[in-house]
Each structure stands twice: as structure tokens, then as C-alpha cells.
């Protein structure tokens, strides 16, 4: 027998997730971009070279619409070190990773897609916003 969950319950779970992430990121969160392999999870130490850091808005994420949530507008910044962007981490002001994801220049193969992942020091780095689509899976 298949399990189902009412749509409003799913929306509530996603809203709670977004609220929790916003609370954990706090008012002075940053988004850091690295070359190298993405760590296993947010508890693992940063890997590779830090290429750039952007200040994140407060709150970072808007209220979800259904199963979709996105960041508020992110202010552009500059790349600090030349390299190949491989992954990002969103961190609270104390430096703890709360969200991480992969970066690529091929649509559909990573969390975040740029026109190019080859970055040069002093180039402008702009991320207008990031959209997440949440799926909730239940197993019996």
C-alpha cells in the first residue's frame, strides 16, 4: 500500500525547513565558493581553496511557495583567487556550514550553474538568487 501525505502537511514541513535554515544562518551569513571536491556533508571541514565570499541577505530565504524556496536577492561581490569553482557553502557568522552544494557550467548537473566555472581574481561574481525544489519521500 502506498503512503500519501496531505499537500498542506508537505507545505508545512517545507516552511519549517526554510524557517530553520534562516534561523541557523542568522543575520550575518555568507556564501563561500571553493575549488576542490565538495566535503561529504556540512560537518566536514572546508576542502580546496576559497575563491570568493558573498554576504547573504537577512533573511537568506523567502517564504516557500509550495515545494519551492529561493534566496532573497544576493549582493554581487568579487572573486578573490583565480580557480575553478566546484562547490559552495552557506555559513552563519561563526563559520559553521548550514547549506552546501555543487557548482557547474552544465544545466541540470549541480545545485548552482554559472556560465563558466573558471574564475579569475577580481572578476565580478553575481548570484541573483538560488531556487531549491524540495521533495519529500516517505518509505513504509
C-alpha atoms as a PDB file:
ATOM      1  CA  UNK A   1       0.000   0.000   0.000  1.00  0.00           C
ATOM      2  CA  UNK A   2       1.348   3.417  -0.959  1.00  0.00           C
ATOM      3  CA  UNK A   3       1.693   6.126   1.687  1.00  0.00           C
ATOM      4  CA  UNK A   4       0.413   9.606   0.974  1.00  0.00           C
ATOM      5  CA  UNK A   5       0.662  12.865   2.848  1.00  0.00           C
ATOM      6  CA  UNK A   6      -1.757  15.747   2.507  1.00  0.00           C
ATOM      7  CA  UNK A   7      -0.360  18.611   0.405  1.00  0.00           C
ATOM      8  CA  UNK A   8      -0.755  21.105   3.249  1.00  0.00           C
ATOM      9  CA  UNK A   9       1.379  18.905   5.515  1.00  0.00           C
ATOM     10  CA  UNK A  10       4.149  18.814   2.905  1.00  0.00           C
ATOM     11  CA  UNK A  11       3.995  22.606   2.542  1.00  0.00           C
ATOM     12  CA  UNK A  12       4.174  22.978   6.343  1.00  0.00           C
ATOM     13  CA  UNK A  13       7.243  20.721   6.533  1.00  0.00           C
ATOM     14  CA  UNK A  14       8.996  22.742   3.826  1.00  0.00           C
ATOM     15  CA  UNK A  15       8.087  26.033   5.545  1.00  0.00           C
ATOM     16  CA  UNK A  16       9.538  24.692   8.812  1.00  0.00           C
ATOM     17  CA  UNK A  17      12.725  23.689   6.965  1.00  0.00           C
ATOM     18  CA  UNK A  18      13.119  27.161   5.441  1.00  0.00           C
ATOM     19  CA  UNK A  19      12.485  28.839   8.817  1.00  0.00           C
ATOM     20  CA  UNK A  20      15.050  26.555  10.473  1.00  0.00           C
ATOM     21  CA  UNK A  21      17.687  27.264   7.799  1.00  0.00           C
ATOM     22  CA  UNK A  22      17.078  31.030   8.051  1.00  0.00           C
ATOM     23  CA  UNK A  23      17.366  30.886  11.850  1.00  0.00           C
ATOM     24  CA  UNK A  24      20.572  28.849  11.720  1.00  0.00           C
ATOM     25  CA  UNK A  25      22.169  31.117   9.101  1.00  0.00           C
ATOM     26  CA  UNK A  26      21.239  34.229  11.083  1.00  0.00           C
ATOM     27  CA  UNK A  27      21.667  37.911  10.199  1.00  0.00           C
ATOM     28  CA  UNK A  28      25.324  37.901   9.027  1.00  0.00           C
ATOM     29  CA  UNK A  29      25.522  34.783   6.838  1.00  0.00           C
ATOM     30  CA  UNK A  30      27.968  34.337   3.975  1.00  0.00           C
ATOM     31  CA  UNK A  31      28.182  32.208   0.849  1.00  0.00           C
ATOM     32  CA  UNK A  32      31.664  30.848   0.176  1.00  0.00           C
ATOM     33  CA  UNK A  33      32.826  29.371  -3.134  1.00  0.00           C
ATOM     34  CA  UNK A  34      35.628  26.786  -3.365  1.00  0.00           C
ATOM     35  CA  UNK A  35      37.630  24.774  -5.848  1.00  0.00           C
ATOM     36  CA  UNK A  36      38.292  21.121  -4.972  1.00  0.00           C
ATOM     37  CA  UNK A  37      35.930  18.290  -4.067  1.00  0.00           C
ATOM     38  CA  UNK A  38      32.820  19.036  -2.054  1.00  0.00           C
ATOM     39  CA  UNK A  39      33.056  17.691   1.509  1.00  0.00           C
ATOM     40  CA  UNK A  40      30.818  14.760   2.445  1.00  0.00           C
ATOM     41  CA  UNK A  41      28.493  16.982   4.474  1.00  0.00           C
ATOM     42  CA  UNK A  42      28.383  20.315   6.280  1.00  0.00           C
ATOM     43  CA  UNK A  43      30.033  18.834   9.377  1.00  0.00           C
ATOM     44  CA  UNK A  44      33.233  18.124   7.406  1.00  0.00           C
ATOM     45  CA  UNK A  45      35.940  20.778   7.100  1.00  0.00           C
ATOM     46  CA  UNK A  46      36.218  23.022   4.051  1.00  0.00           C
ATOM     47  CA  UNK A  47      38.234  21.464   1.222  1.00  0.00           C
ATOM     48  CA  UNK A  48      40.164  23.160  -1.564  1.00  0.00           C
ATOM     49  CA  UNK A  49      40.841  26.856  -1.968  1.00  0.00           C
ATOM     50  CA  UNK A  50      38.386  29.604  -1.049  1.00  0.00           C
ATOM     51  CA  UNK A  51      37.789  31.569  -4.265  1.00  0.00           C
ATOM     52  CA  UNK A  52      35.167  34.111  -3.193  1.00  0.00           C
ATOM     53  CA  UNK A  53      32.773  35.113  -0.425  1.00  0.00           C
ATOM     54  CA  UNK A  54      29.445  36.899  -0.780  1.00  0.00           C
ATOM     55  CA  UNK A  55      27.367  38.428   2.017  1.00  0.00           C
ATOM     56  CA  UNK A  56      23.899  36.887   2.184  1.00  0.00           C
ATOM     57  CA  UNK A  57      20.683  38.836   2.826  1.00  0.00           C
ATOM     58  CA  UNK A  58      18.714  38.599   6.056  1.00  0.00           C
ATOM     59  CA  UNK A  59      16.653  36.502   5.916  1.00  0.00           C
ATOM     60  CA  UNK A  60      18.509  34.418   3.344  1.00  0.00           C
ATOM     61  CA  UNK A  61      15.436  32.601   2.043  1.00  0.00           C
ATOM     62  CA  UNK A  62      11.950  33.849   1.189  1.00  0.00           C
ATOM     63  CA  UNK A  63       8.852  32.053   2.409  1.00  0.00           C
ATOM     64  CA  UNK A  64       8.338  28.950   0.284  1.00  0.00           C
ATOM     65  CA  UNK A  65       5.702  28.691  -2.406  1.00  0.00           C
ATOM     66  CA  UNK A  66       4.519  25.098  -2.387  1.00  0.00           C
ATOM     67  CA  UNK A  67       7.659  22.959  -2.542  1.00  0.00           C
ATOM     68  CA  UNK A  68       9.844  25.740  -3.995  1.00  0.00           C
ATOM     69  CA  UNK A  69      12.006  28.102  -1.946  1.00  0.00           C
ATOM     70  CA  UNK A  70      14.555  30.650  -3.060  1.00  0.00           C
ATOM     71  CA  UNK A  71      17.021  33.157  -1.707  1.00  0.00           C
ATOM     72  CA  UNK A  72      16.308  36.820  -1.438  1.00  0.00           C
ATOM     73  CA  UNK A  73      18.470  38.989  -3.723  1.00  0.00           C
ATOM     74  CA  UNK A  74      22.209  38.483  -3.136  1.00  0.00           C
ATOM     75  CA  UNK A  75      24.569  41.453  -3.479  1.00  0.00           C
ATOM     76  CA  UNK A  76      27.356  40.860  -6.045  1.00  0.00           C
ATOM     77  CA  UNK A  77      30.998  40.718  -4.993  1.00  0.00           C
ATOM     78  CA  UNK A  78      34.410  39.903  -6.438  1.00  0.00           C
ATOM     79  CA  UNK A  79      36.423  36.729  -6.896  1.00  0.00           C
ATOM     80  CA  UNK A  80      39.475  36.813  -4.580  1.00  0.00           C
ATOM     81  CA  UNK A  81      41.559  33.957  -6.010  1.00  0.00           C
ATOM     82  CA  UNK A  82      41.771  32.530  -9.549  1.00  0.00           C
ATOM     83  CA  UNK A  83      40.500  28.943  -9.762  1.00  0.00           C
ATOM     84  CA  UNK A  84      37.774  26.544 -10.862  1.00  0.00           C
ATOM     85  CA  UNK A  85      34.587  26.799  -8.786  1.00  0.00           C
ATOM     86  CA  UNK A  86      33.418  23.344  -7.655  1.00  0.00           C
ATOM     87  CA  UNK A  87      31.148  23.879  -4.654  1.00  0.00           C
ATOM     88  CA  UNK A  88      29.618  26.472  -2.323  1.00  0.00           C
ATOM     89  CA  UNK A  89      28.801  26.657   1.361  1.00  0.00           C
ATOM     90  CA  UNK A  90      26.357  28.939   3.156  1.00  0.00           C
ATOM     91  CA  UNK A  91      27.652  29.686   6.648  1.00  0.00           C
ATOM     92  CA  UNK A  92      26.451  31.577   9.699  1.00  0.00           C
ATOM     93  CA  UNK A  93      28.572  34.379  11.159  1.00  0.00           C
ATOM     94  CA  UNK A  94      30.511  31.902  13.305  1.00  0.00           C
ATOM     95  CA  UNK A  95      31.650  29.994  10.214  1.00  0.00           C
ATOM     96  CA  UNK A  96      29.520  26.864  10.600  1.00  0.00           C
ATOM     97  CA  UNK A  97      28.289  25.379   7.327  1.00  0.00           C
ATOM     98  CA  UNK A  98      24.477  25.173   7.171  1.00  0.00           C
ATOM     99  CA  UNK A  99      23.907  24.527   3.423  1.00  0.00           C
ATOM    100  CA  UNK A 100      26.299  23.284   0.742  1.00  0.00           C
ATOM    101  CA  UNK A 101      26.011  22.310  -2.902  1.00  0.00           C
ATOM    102  CA  UNK A 102      27.900  21.702  -6.117  1.00  0.00           C
ATOM    103  CA  UNK A 103      28.718  24.186  -8.892  1.00  0.00           C
ATOM    104  CA  UNK A 104      28.975  23.563 -12.631  1.00  0.00           C
ATOM    105  CA  UNK A 105      28.537  25.214 -16.010  1.00  0.00           C
ATOM    106  CA  UNK A 106      26.218  22.441 -17.283  1.00  0.00           C
ATOM    107  CA  UNK A 107      22.493  22.920 -16.570  1.00  0.00           C
ATOM    108  CA  UNK A 108      20.896  20.098 -14.595  1.00  0.00           C
ATOM    109  CA  UNK A 109      24.079  18.593 -13.157  1.00  0.00           C
ATOM    110  CA  UNK A 110      24.624  20.657  -9.984  1.00  0.00           C
ATOM    111  CA  UNK A 111      22.926  22.810  -7.375  1.00  0.00           C
ATOM    112  CA  UNK A 112      24.288  26.059  -8.818  1.00  0.00           C
ATOM    113  CA  UNK A 113      25.032  26.758 -12.507  1.00  0.00           C
ATOM    114  CA  UNK A 114      27.284  29.534 -13.840  1.00  0.00           C
ATOM    115  CA  UNK A 115      28.141  30.425 -17.443  1.00  0.00           C
ATOM    116  CA  UNK A 116      31.722  29.468 -16.581  1.00  0.00           C
ATOM    117  CA  UNK A 117      33.337  27.823 -13.564  1.00  0.00           C
ATOM    118  CA  UNK A 118      36.797  29.170 -14.469  1.00  0.00           C
ATOM    119  CA  UNK A 119      37.066  32.268 -12.314  1.00  0.00           C
ATOM    120  CA  UNK A 120      39.733  34.980 -12.337  1.00  0.00           C
ATOM    121  CA  UNK A 121      40.724  37.096  -9.357  1.00  0.00           C
ATOM    122  CA  UNK A 122      38.953  40.490  -9.296  1.00  0.00           C
ATOM    123  CA  UNK A 123      36.163  39.445 -11.683  1.00  0.00           C
ATOM    124  CA  UNK A 124      32.627  40.302 -10.568  1.00  0.00           C
ATOM    125  CA  UNK A 125      30.688  37.438  -9.004  1.00  0.00           C
ATOM    126  CA  UNK A 126      26.908  37.765  -9.178  1.00  0.00           C
ATOM    127  CA  UNK A 127      24.321  35.293  -7.916  1.00  0.00           C
ATOM    128  CA  UNK A 128      20.898  36.860  -8.365  1.00  0.00           C
ATOM    129  CA  UNK A 129      19.111  34.140  -6.412  1.00  0.00           C
ATOM    130  CA  UNK A 130      19.046  30.376  -5.877  1.00  0.00           C
ATOM    131  CA  UNK A 131      15.902  28.263  -6.170  1.00  0.00           C
ATOM    132  CA  UNK A 132      15.520  24.966  -4.312  1.00  0.00           C
ATOM    133  CA  UNK A 133      12.776  22.461  -5.100  1.00  0.00           C
ATOM    134  CA  UNK A 134      12.096  20.218  -2.139  1.00  0.00           C
ATOM    135  CA  UNK A 135      10.858  16.664  -2.466  1.00  0.00           C
ATOM    136  CA  UNK A 136       9.534  14.720   0.469  1.00  0.00           C
ATOM    137  CA  UNK A 137       9.760  10.947   0.188  1.00  0.00           C
ATOM    138  CA  UNK A 138       8.164   8.519   2.568  1.00  0.00           C
ATOM    139  CA  UNK A 139       9.098   4.894   2.885  1.00  0.00           C
ATOM    140  CA  UNK A 140       6.965   2.312   4.626  1.00  0.00           C
END
